[in-house]
Amino acid sequence: MKQAVVSGLSTKELYERLEEEEKQLVKLKLHHAVSSIENPNRIKEYRKTVARIKTEIRAREISESKKTVANKIEA
C-alpha cells in the first residue's frame, strides 16, 4: 500500500487496516516458519505497510494535539 493511499484513509479506516495488516503479517510469518512460502518478500511488504499506517496514525495524533494546545493558548 502506497503512502498516498494511506494518507487518503480516515482515522477509523486506518485502525481497521492496521489490525487487518498485522493479522496478515503474523499469519504469513507463522506460515513461513512452518514451511517456506513462495515469495518471502511479502513479509517485508506487510511490515512496511504496517509501519506506514502507524506513522500516519501518529502524525495525526501529533497534529491533533498541536491544534488542542493552540486552541488553549488562544482561549
C-alpha atoms as a PDB file:
ATOM      1  CA  MET A   1       0.000   0.000   0.000  1.00  0.00           C
ATOM      2  CA  LYS A   2       1.429   3.347  -1.032  1.00  0.00           C
ATOM      3  CA  GLN A   3       1.699   6.329   1.290  1.00  0.00           C
ATOM      4  CA  ALA A   4      -0.748   8.319  -0.838  1.00  0.00           C
ATOM      5  CA  VAL A   5      -3.390   5.639  -0.281  1.00  0.00           C
ATOM      6  CA  VAL A   6      -2.681   5.550   3.455  1.00  0.00           C
ATOM      7  CA  SER A   7      -2.996   9.335   3.701  1.00  0.00           C
ATOM      8  CA  GLY A   8      -6.364   9.235   1.984  1.00  0.00           C
ATOM      9  CA  LEU A   9      -7.953   6.909   4.532  1.00  0.00           C
ATOM     10  CA  SER A  10      -9.942   8.124   7.511  1.00  0.00           C
ATOM     11  CA  THR A  11      -8.610   7.519  11.002  1.00  0.00           C
ATOM     12  CA  LYS A  12     -11.180   4.796  11.636  1.00  0.00           C
ATOM     13  CA  GLU A  13     -10.227   3.061   8.392  1.00  0.00           C
ATOM     14  CA  LEU A  14      -6.546   3.320   9.347  1.00  0.00           C
ATOM     15  CA  TYR A  15      -7.146   1.476  12.613  1.00  0.00           C
ATOM     16  CA  GLU A  16      -9.152  -1.204  10.813  1.00  0.00           C
ATOM     17  CA  ARG A  17      -6.474  -1.648   8.145  1.00  0.00           C
ATOM     18  CA  LEU A  18      -3.743  -1.722  10.796  1.00  0.00           C
ATOM     19  CA  GLU A  19      -5.462  -4.559  12.617  1.00  0.00           C
ATOM     20  CA  GLU A  20      -6.030  -6.444   9.357  1.00  0.00           C
ATOM     21  CA  GLU A  21      -2.459  -5.966   8.105  1.00  0.00           C
ATOM     22  CA  GLU A  22      -0.953  -7.027  11.448  1.00  0.00           C
ATOM     23  CA  LYS A  23      -3.066 -10.209  11.424  1.00  0.00           C
ATOM     24  CA  GLN A  24      -1.925 -10.977   7.883  1.00  0.00           C
ATOM     25  CA  LEU A  25       1.701 -10.357   8.848  1.00  0.00           C
ATOM     26  CA  VAL A  26       1.521 -12.747  11.808  1.00  0.00           C
ATOM     27  CA  LYS A  27      -0.227 -15.343   9.667  1.00  0.00           C
ATOM     28  CA  LEU A  28       2.415 -15.014   6.965  1.00  0.00           C
ATOM     29  CA  LYS A  29       5.288 -15.271   9.466  1.00  0.00           C
ATOM     30  CA  LEU A  30       3.823 -18.402  11.035  1.00  0.00           C
ATOM     31  CA  HIS A  31       3.273 -19.967   7.641  1.00  0.00           C
ATOM     32  CA  HIS A  32       6.852 -19.132   6.671  1.00  0.00           C
ATOM     33  CA  ALA A  33       8.190 -20.667   9.903  1.00  0.00           C
ATOM     34  CA  VAL A  34       6.386 -23.939   9.231  1.00  0.00           C
ATOM     35  CA  SER A  35       7.151 -24.198   5.539  1.00  0.00           C
ATOM     36  CA  SER A  36       8.817 -21.907   3.077  1.00  0.00           C
ATOM     37  CA  ILE A  37       6.465 -19.503   1.373  1.00  0.00           C
ATOM     38  CA  GLU A  38       6.586 -18.793  -2.326  1.00  0.00           C
ATOM     39  CA  ASN A  39       7.523 -15.115  -2.021  1.00  0.00           C
ATOM     40  CA  PRO A  40       9.199 -14.217   1.309  1.00  0.00           C
ATOM     41  CA  ASN A  41       9.408 -10.562   0.225  1.00  0.00           C
ATOM     42  CA  ARG A  42       5.707 -10.301   1.040  1.00  0.00           C
ATOM     43  CA  ILE A  43       6.673 -10.306   4.732  1.00  0.00           C
ATOM     44  CA  LYS A  44       8.762  -7.204   4.129  1.00  0.00           C
ATOM     45  CA  GLU A  45       5.908  -5.550   2.233  1.00  0.00           C
ATOM     46  CA  TYR A  46       3.465  -6.177   5.074  1.00  0.00           C
ATOM     47  CA  ARG A  47       5.958  -4.831   7.631  1.00  0.00           C
ATOM     48  CA  LYS A  48       6.390  -1.654   5.598  1.00  0.00           C
ATOM     49  CA  THR A  49       2.643  -1.241   5.202  1.00  0.00           C
ATOM     50  CA  VAL A  50       2.127  -1.610   8.950  1.00  0.00           C
ATOM     51  CA  ALA A  51       4.861   0.958   9.558  1.00  0.00           C
ATOM     52  CA  ARG A  52       3.282   3.395   7.072  1.00  0.00           C
ATOM     53  CA  ILE A  53      -0.100   3.088   8.754  1.00  0.00           C
ATOM     54  CA  LYS A  54       1.361   3.532  12.248  1.00  0.00           C
ATOM     55  CA  THR A  55       3.320   6.566  11.063  1.00  0.00           C
ATOM     56  CA  GLU A  56       0.197   8.177   9.621  1.00  0.00           C
ATOM     57  CA  ILE A  57      -1.785   7.499  12.800  1.00  0.00           C
ATOM     58  CA  ARG A  58       0.955   9.030  14.937  1.00  0.00           C
ATOM     59  CA  ALA A  59       1.237  12.065  12.655  1.00  0.00           C
ATOM     60  CA  ARG A  60      -2.487  12.652  13.007  1.00  0.00           C
ATOM     61  CA  GLU A  61      -2.267  12.309  16.797  1.00  0.00           C
ATOM     62  CA  ILE A  62       0.522  14.885  16.922  1.00  0.00           C
ATOM     63  CA  SER A  63      -1.366  17.232  14.614  1.00  0.00           C
ATOM     64  CA  GLU A  64      -4.483  16.935  16.748  1.00  0.00           C
ATOM     65  CA  SER A  65      -2.577  17.608  19.975  1.00  0.00           C
ATOM     66  CA  LYS A  66      -0.960  20.715  18.434  1.00  0.00           C
ATOM     67  CA  LYS A  67      -4.393  22.022  17.469  1.00  0.00           C
ATOM     68  CA  THR A  68      -5.631  21.424  21.022  1.00  0.00           C
ATOM     69  CA  VAL A  69      -2.663  23.259  22.538  1.00  0.00           C
ATOM     70  CA  ALA A  70      -3.097  26.152  20.101  1.00  0.00           C
ATOM     71  CA  ASN A  71      -6.786  26.441  20.980  1.00  0.00           C
ATOM     72  CA  LYS A  72      -5.989  26.521  24.707  1.00  0.00           C
ATOM     73  CA  ILE A  73      -3.394  29.246  24.194  1.00  0.00           C
ATOM     74  CA  GLU A  74      -5.813  31.372  22.155  1.00  0.00           C
ATOM     75  CA  ALA A  75      -8.612  30.999  24.714  1.00  0.00           C
END
